[in-house]
């Protein structure tokens, strides 16, 4: 059964996954790379749509116990019986705005992705499907090494879930319009 790192774009999935893969001597299965290499991305305005069913079948053949899987699509293309643990990286949506601007995301795409983080959509979908195998980690105030250490400990102990609720922060700041498309 595999270890999975997921979360919204820009939360640090690939950086963290590479470090954990080195420590645990695991090979990385990058869901986006597999989708791209398999020709499953379909350009739609400023987003890429993916044929989830085809991707699911391809991944089924590539997953082993010696893998760490990374990608924001993980909750939608993996099966519970193949997963040991799924870690959802969460990051302050205010921090994500600058990440997305550096990536030259459109304003619409920035709002879609930060809005998704505010609402915890990936975390919600992961928990709905994978239940007790899902753990959230707020990486906002942690260094990369602190995050890696926390995740390695979590993998070995199944303890260390962090409840993350950005909606309360955004409501308190009266910033709903900043994160949601008008």
C-alpha atoms as a PDB file:
ATOM      1  CA  UNK A   1       0.000   0.000   0.000  1.00  0.00           C
ATOM      2  CA  UNK A   2       1.216   3.459  -0.939  1.00  0.00           C
ATOM      3  CA  UNK A   3       1.825   6.768   0.767  1.00  0.00           C
ATOM      4  CA  UNK A   4       0.090   9.695  -0.926  1.00  0.00           C
ATOM      5  CA  UNK A   5       0.837  13.426  -0.766  1.00  0.00           C
ATOM      6  CA  UNK A   6      -1.934  15.647  -2.122  1.00  0.00           C
ATOM      7  CA  UNK A   7      -3.293  19.174  -1.816  1.00  0.00           C
ATOM      8  CA  UNK A   8      -4.004  22.189  -3.964  1.00  0.00           C
ATOM      9  CA  UNK A   9      -1.491  23.445  -6.511  1.00  0.00           C
ATOM     10  CA  UNK A  10       1.254  25.499  -4.859  1.00  0.00           C
ATOM     11  CA  UNK A  11       1.176  23.947  -1.392  1.00  0.00           C
ATOM     12  CA  UNK A  12       4.553  22.231  -1.797  1.00  0.00           C
ATOM     13  CA  UNK A  13       3.570  18.669  -2.703  1.00  0.00           C
ATOM     14  CA  UNK A  14       6.482  17.924  -5.022  1.00  0.00           C
ATOM     15  CA  UNK A  15       9.151  19.544  -2.846  1.00  0.00           C
ATOM     16  CA  UNK A  16       7.976  17.627   0.226  1.00  0.00           C
ATOM     17  CA  UNK A  17       7.467  14.372  -1.684  1.00  0.00           C
ATOM     18  CA  UNK A  18      11.033  14.421  -3.054  1.00  0.00           C
ATOM     19  CA  UNK A  19      12.478  14.804   0.451  1.00  0.00           C
ATOM     20  CA  UNK A  20      10.294  12.040   1.910  1.00  0.00           C
ATOM     21  CA  UNK A  21      11.065   9.720  -1.008  1.00  0.00           C
ATOM     22  CA  UNK A  22      14.793  10.165  -0.310  1.00  0.00           C
ATOM     23  CA  UNK A  23      14.400   9.485   3.425  1.00  0.00           C
ATOM     24  CA  UNK A  24      12.132   6.438   3.006  1.00  0.00           C
ATOM     25  CA  UNK A  25      13.858   5.203  -0.175  1.00  0.00           C
ATOM     26  CA  UNK A  26      10.673   5.214  -2.234  1.00  0.00           C
ATOM     27  CA  UNK A  27      10.148   5.923  -5.904  1.00  0.00           C
ATOM     28  CA  UNK A  28       7.814   8.761  -6.837  1.00  0.00           C
ATOM     29  CA  UNK A  29       4.656   8.263  -8.866  1.00  0.00           C
ATOM     30  CA  UNK A  30       3.716  11.742 -10.119  1.00  0.00           C
ATOM     31  CA  UNK A  31       0.050  11.707 -11.131  1.00  0.00           C
ATOM     32  CA  UNK A  32       0.308  14.860 -13.281  1.00  0.00           C
ATOM     33  CA  UNK A  33       3.385  13.565 -15.117  1.00  0.00           C
ATOM     34  CA  UNK A  34       1.649  10.263 -15.865  1.00  0.00           C
ATOM     35  CA  UNK A  35      -1.460  12.086 -17.096  1.00  0.00           C
ATOM     36  CA  UNK A  36       0.664  14.350 -19.295  1.00  0.00           C
ATOM     37  CA  UNK A  37       2.860  11.529 -20.644  1.00  0.00           C
ATOM     38  CA  UNK A  38      -0.287   9.514 -21.409  1.00  0.00           C
ATOM     39  CA  UNK A  39      -1.864  12.380 -23.354  1.00  0.00           C
ATOM     40  CA  UNK A  40      -4.773  12.709 -20.928  1.00  0.00           C
ATOM     41  CA  UNK A  41      -4.663  16.503 -20.493  1.00  0.00           C
ATOM     42  CA  UNK A  42      -7.235  18.391 -22.516  1.00  0.00           C
ATOM     43  CA  UNK A  43      -6.793  22.183 -22.670  1.00  0.00           C
ATOM     44  CA  UNK A  44      -9.956  24.039 -21.608  1.00  0.00           C
ATOM     45  CA  UNK A  45      -9.550  27.843 -21.400  1.00  0.00           C
ATOM     46  CA  UNK A  46      -6.798  28.307 -18.772  1.00  0.00           C
ATOM     47  CA  UNK A  47      -7.175  24.870 -17.161  1.00  0.00           C
ATOM     48  CA  UNK A  48      -6.281  21.340 -18.109  1.00  0.00           C
ATOM     49  CA  UNK A  49      -9.031  18.750 -17.879  1.00  0.00           C
ATOM     50  CA  UNK A  50      -8.070  15.109 -17.334  1.00  0.00           C
ATOM     51  CA  UNK A  51      -9.890  11.898 -18.217  1.00  0.00           C
ATOM     52  CA  UNK A  52     -10.117  10.593 -14.646  1.00  0.00           C
ATOM     53  CA  UNK A  53     -11.269   7.075 -15.592  1.00  0.00           C
ATOM     54  CA  UNK A  54      -8.376   6.485 -18.005  1.00  0.00           C
ATOM     55  CA  UNK A  55      -5.890   7.933 -15.512  1.00  0.00           C
ATOM     56  CA  UNK A  56      -7.277   5.693 -12.767  1.00  0.00           C
ATOM     57  CA  UNK A  57      -6.665   2.583 -14.918  1.00  0.00           C
ATOM     58  CA  UNK A  58      -3.117   3.635 -15.811  1.00  0.00           C
ATOM     59  CA  UNK A  59      -2.244   4.373 -12.169  1.00  0.00           C
ATOM     60  CA  UNK A  60      -3.642   1.034 -11.023  1.00  0.00           C
ATOM     61  CA  UNK A  61      -0.786  -0.661 -12.921  1.00  0.00           C
ATOM     62  CA  UNK A  62       1.959   1.697 -11.675  1.00  0.00           C
ATOM     63  CA  UNK A  63       1.350   1.621  -7.923  1.00  0.00           C
ATOM     64  CA  UNK A  64       3.386  -0.604  -5.628  1.00  0.00           C
ATOM     65  CA  UNK A  65       4.369  -0.675  -1.959  1.00  0.00           C
ATOM     66  CA  UNK A  66       7.644   1.053  -2.759  1.00  0.00           C
ATOM     67  CA  UNK A  67       5.955   4.208  -4.071  1.00  0.00           C
ATOM     68  CA  UNK A  68       5.058   7.593  -2.790  1.00  0.00           C
ATOM     69  CA  UNK A  69       2.315   9.087  -4.937  1.00  0.00           C
ATOM     70  CA  UNK A  70       1.999  12.839  -5.475  1.00  0.00           C
ATOM     71  CA  UNK A  71      -0.685  14.952  -7.101  1.00  0.00           C
ATOM     72  CA  UNK A  72      -3.738  17.072  -6.481  1.00  0.00           C
ATOM     73  CA  UNK A  73      -5.881  14.543  -8.364  1.00  0.00           C
ATOM     74  CA  UNK A  74      -5.058  11.730  -5.921  1.00  0.00           C
ATOM     75  CA  UNK A  75      -8.452  11.666  -4.160  1.00  0.00           C
ATOM     76  CA  UNK A  76     -10.169  11.236  -7.532  1.00  0.00           C
ATOM     77  CA  UNK A  77      -7.993   8.580  -9.195  1.00  0.00           C
ATOM     78  CA  UNK A  78      -6.857   6.245  -6.394  1.00  0.00           C
ATOM     79  CA  UNK A  79      -8.606   3.459  -4.488  1.00  0.00           C
ATOM     80  CA  UNK A  80      -8.735   3.150  -0.704  1.00  0.00           C
ATOM     81  CA  UNK A  81      -7.483  -0.447  -0.712  1.00  0.00           C
ATOM     82  CA  UNK A  82      -4.220   0.650  -2.403  1.00  0.00           C
ATOM     83  CA  UNK A  83      -3.449   3.445   0.053  1.00  0.00           C
ATOM     84  CA  UNK A  84      -1.681   3.197   3.416  1.00  0.00           C
ATOM     85  CA  UNK A  85      -1.950   6.894   4.234  1.00  0.00           C
ATOM     86  CA  UNK A  86      -2.958  10.079   2.410  1.00  0.00           C
ATOM     87  CA  UNK A  87      -1.520  13.375   3.578  1.00  0.00           C
ATOM     88  CA  UNK A  88      -3.264  16.560   2.451  1.00  0.00           C
ATOM     89  CA  UNK A  89      -0.939  19.537   2.584  1.00  0.00           C
ATOM     90  CA  UNK A  90      -2.796  22.739   3.417  1.00  0.00           C
ATOM     91  CA  UNK A  91      -1.449  26.260   3.007  1.00  0.00           C
ATOM     92  CA  UNK A  92      -2.760  29.665   3.968  1.00  0.00           C
ATOM     93  CA  UNK A  93      -4.720  30.944   0.946  1.00  0.00           C
ATOM     94  CA  UNK A  94      -3.248  34.424   1.360  1.00  0.00           C
ATOM     95  CA  UNK A  95       0.212  32.875   0.825  1.00  0.00           C
ATOM     96  CA  UNK A  96      -1.032  30.951  -2.211  1.00  0.00           C
ATOM     97  CA  UNK A  97      -2.011  34.161  -4.036  1.00  0.00           C
ATOM     98  CA  UNK A  98       1.664  35.146  -4.446  1.00  0.00           C
ATOM     99  CA  UNK A  99       2.595  31.588  -5.502  1.00  0.00           C
ATOM    100  CA  UNK A 100      -0.055  31.660  -8.223  1.00  0.00           C
ATOM    101  CA  UNK A 101       0.940  35.142  -9.393  1.00  0.00           C
ATOM    102  CA  UNK A 102       4.545  33.928  -9.791  1.00  0.00           C
ATOM    103  CA  UNK A 103       3.165  31.040 -11.861  1.00  0.00           C
ATOM    104  CA  UNK A 104       1.296  33.614 -13.972  1.00  0.00           C
ATOM    105  CA  UNK A 105      -2.138  32.138 -13.242  1.00  0.00           C
ATOM    106  CA  UNK A 106      -5.064  34.213 -14.492  1.00  0.00           C
ATOM    107  CA  UNK A 107      -7.129  36.068 -11.870  1.00  0.00           C
ATOM    108  CA  UNK A 108      -9.936  33.569 -12.431  1.00  0.00           C
ATOM    109  CA  UNK A 109      -7.604  30.600 -11.898  1.00  0.00           C
ATOM    110  CA  UNK A 110      -6.143  32.227  -8.770  1.00  0.00           C
ATOM    111  CA  UNK A 111      -9.615  32.598  -7.296  1.00  0.00           C
ATOM    112  CA  UNK A 112     -10.580  29.033  -8.235  1.00  0.00           C
ATOM    113  CA  UNK A 113      -7.489  27.541  -6.603  1.00  0.00           C
ATOM    114  CA  UNK A 114      -7.446  29.755  -3.510  1.00  0.00           C
ATOM    115  CA  UNK A 115     -11.205  29.322  -3.128  1.00  0.00           C
ATOM    116  CA  UNK A 116     -10.701  25.566  -3.247  1.00  0.00           C
ATOM    117  CA  UNK A 117      -8.097  25.844  -0.477  1.00  0.00           C
ATOM    118  CA  UNK A 118     -10.345  28.108   1.624  1.00  0.00           C
ATOM    119  CA  UNK A 119     -13.180  25.583   1.370  1.00  0.00           C
ATOM    120  CA  UNK A 120     -10.860  22.600   1.834  1.00  0.00           C
ATOM    121  CA  UNK A 121     -12.254  20.814  -1.216  1.00  0.00           C
ATOM    122  CA  UNK A 122      -9.364  18.387  -1.725  1.00  0.00           C
ATOM    123  CA  UNK A 123      -9.258  17.610   2.008  1.00  0.00           C
ATOM    124  CA  UNK A 124     -13.027  17.089   2.093  1.00  0.00           C
ATOM    125  CA  UNK A 125     -13.013  14.830  -0.960  1.00  0.00           C
ATOM    126  CA  UNK A 126     -10.047  12.838   0.367  1.00  0.00           C
ATOM    127  CA  UNK A 127     -11.680  12.352   3.783  1.00  0.00           C
ATOM    128  CA  UNK A 128     -14.994  11.362   2.177  1.00  0.00           C
ATOM    129  CA  UNK A 129     -13.331   8.604   0.148  1.00  0.00           C
ATOM    130  CA  UNK A 130     -10.367   7.508   2.298  1.00  0.00           C
ATOM    131  CA  UNK A 131     -11.715   8.315   5.810  1.00  0.00           C
ATOM    132  CA  UNK A 132      -9.276   7.292   8.580  1.00  0.00           C
ATOM    133  CA  UNK A 133      -6.347   7.127   6.147  1.00  0.00           C
ATOM    134  CA  UNK A 134      -6.367  10.914   5.602  1.00  0.00           C
ATOM    135  CA  UNK A 135      -4.345  13.421   7.602  1.00  0.00           C
ATOM    136  CA  UNK A 136      -4.133  17.175   7.063  1.00  0.00           C
ATOM    137  CA  UNK A 137      -0.938  19.147   7.657  1.00  0.00           C
ATOM    138  CA  UNK A 138      -0.881  22.951   7.736  1.00  0.00           C
ATOM    139  CA  UNK A 139       2.473  23.805   6.177  1.00  0.00           C
ATOM    140  CA  UNK A 140       2.009  27.596   6.364  1.00  0.00           C
ATOM    141  CA  UNK A 141       4.344  28.293   9.271  1.00  0.00           C
ATOM    142  CA  UNK A 142       6.594  25.258   8.976  1.00  0.00           C
ATOM    143  CA  UNK A 143       9.910  25.019   7.202  1.00  0.00           C
ATOM    144  CA  UNK A 144      10.338  22.295   4.603  1.00  0.00           C
ATOM    145  CA  UNK A 145      12.416  20.235   7.044  1.00  0.00           C
ATOM    146  CA  UNK A 146       9.813  20.647   9.827  1.00  0.00           C
ATOM    147  CA  UNK A 147       7.070  19.550   7.426  1.00  0.00           C
ATOM    148  CA  UNK A 148       9.085  16.540   6.246  1.00  0.00           C
ATOM    149  CA  UNK A 149       9.849  15.501   9.833  1.00  0.00           C
ATOM    150  CA  UNK A 150       6.174  15.862  10.795  1.00  0.00           C
ATOM    151  CA  UNK A 151       5.066  13.725   7.829  1.00  0.00           C
ATOM    152  CA  UNK A 152       7.693  11.016   8.388  1.00  0.00           C
ATOM    153  CA  UNK A 153       6.545  10.771  12.026  1.00  0.00           C
ATOM    154  CA  UNK A 154       2.919  10.741  10.935  1.00  0.00           C
ATOM    155  CA  UNK A 155       3.586   7.908   8.466  1.00  0.00           C
ATOM    156  CA  UNK A 156       5.159   5.759  11.183  1.00  0.00           C
ATOM    157  CA  UNK A 157       2.654   6.557  13.935  1.00  0.00           C
ATOM    158  CA  UNK A 158      -0.634   7.449  12.183  1.00  0.00           C
ATOM    159  CA  UNK A 159      -0.818  10.383  14.627  1.00  0.00           C
ATOM    160  CA  UNK A 160      -0.550  14.096  14.019  1.00  0.00           C
ATOM    161  CA  UNK A 161      -3.599  15.234  12.071  1.00  0.00           C
ATOM    162  CA  UNK A 162      -4.065  19.005  12.075  1.00  0.00           C
ATOM    163  CA  UNK A 163      -7.543  20.480  11.701  1.00  0.00           C
ATOM    164  CA  UNK A 164      -7.371  23.259   9.124  1.00  0.00           C
ATOM    165  CA  UNK A 165     -10.154  25.814   8.590  1.00  0.00           C
ATOM    166  CA  UNK A 166      -9.256  28.763   6.383  1.00  0.00           C
ATOM    167  CA  UNK A 167     -12.894  29.802   5.973  1.00  0.00           C
ATOM    168  CA  UNK A 168     -13.023  31.214   9.513  1.00  0.00           C
ATOM    169  CA  UNK A 169      -9.889  33.299   8.850  1.00  0.00           C
ATOM    170  CA  UNK A 170     -11.234  34.613   5.550  1.00  0.00           C
ATOM    171  CA  UNK A 171     -14.640  35.441   7.071  1.00  0.00           C
ATOM    172  CA  UNK A 172     -12.965  37.181  10.016  1.00  0.00           C
ATOM    173  CA  UNK A 173     -10.948  39.284   7.546  1.00  0.00           C
ATOM    174  CA  UNK A 174     -14.131  39.977   5.535  1.00  0.00           C
ATOM    175  CA  UNK A 175     -12.334  38.724   2.408  1.00  0.00           C
ATOM    176  CA  UNK A 176     -14.797  36.273   0.833  1.00  0.00           C
ATOM    177  CA  UNK A 177     -14.788  38.322  -2.388  1.00  0.00           C
ATOM    178  CA  UNK A 178     -11.001  38.014  -2.606  1.00  0.00           C
ATOM    179  CA  UNK A 179     -11.218  34.214  -2.955  1.00  0.00           C
ATOM    180  CA  UNK A 180     -14.427  33.545  -4.825  1.00  0.00           C
ATOM    181  CA  UNK A 181     -15.367  34.347  -8.399  1.00  0.00           C
ATOM    182  CA  UNK A 182     -18.039  37.028  -8.601  1.00  0.00           C
END
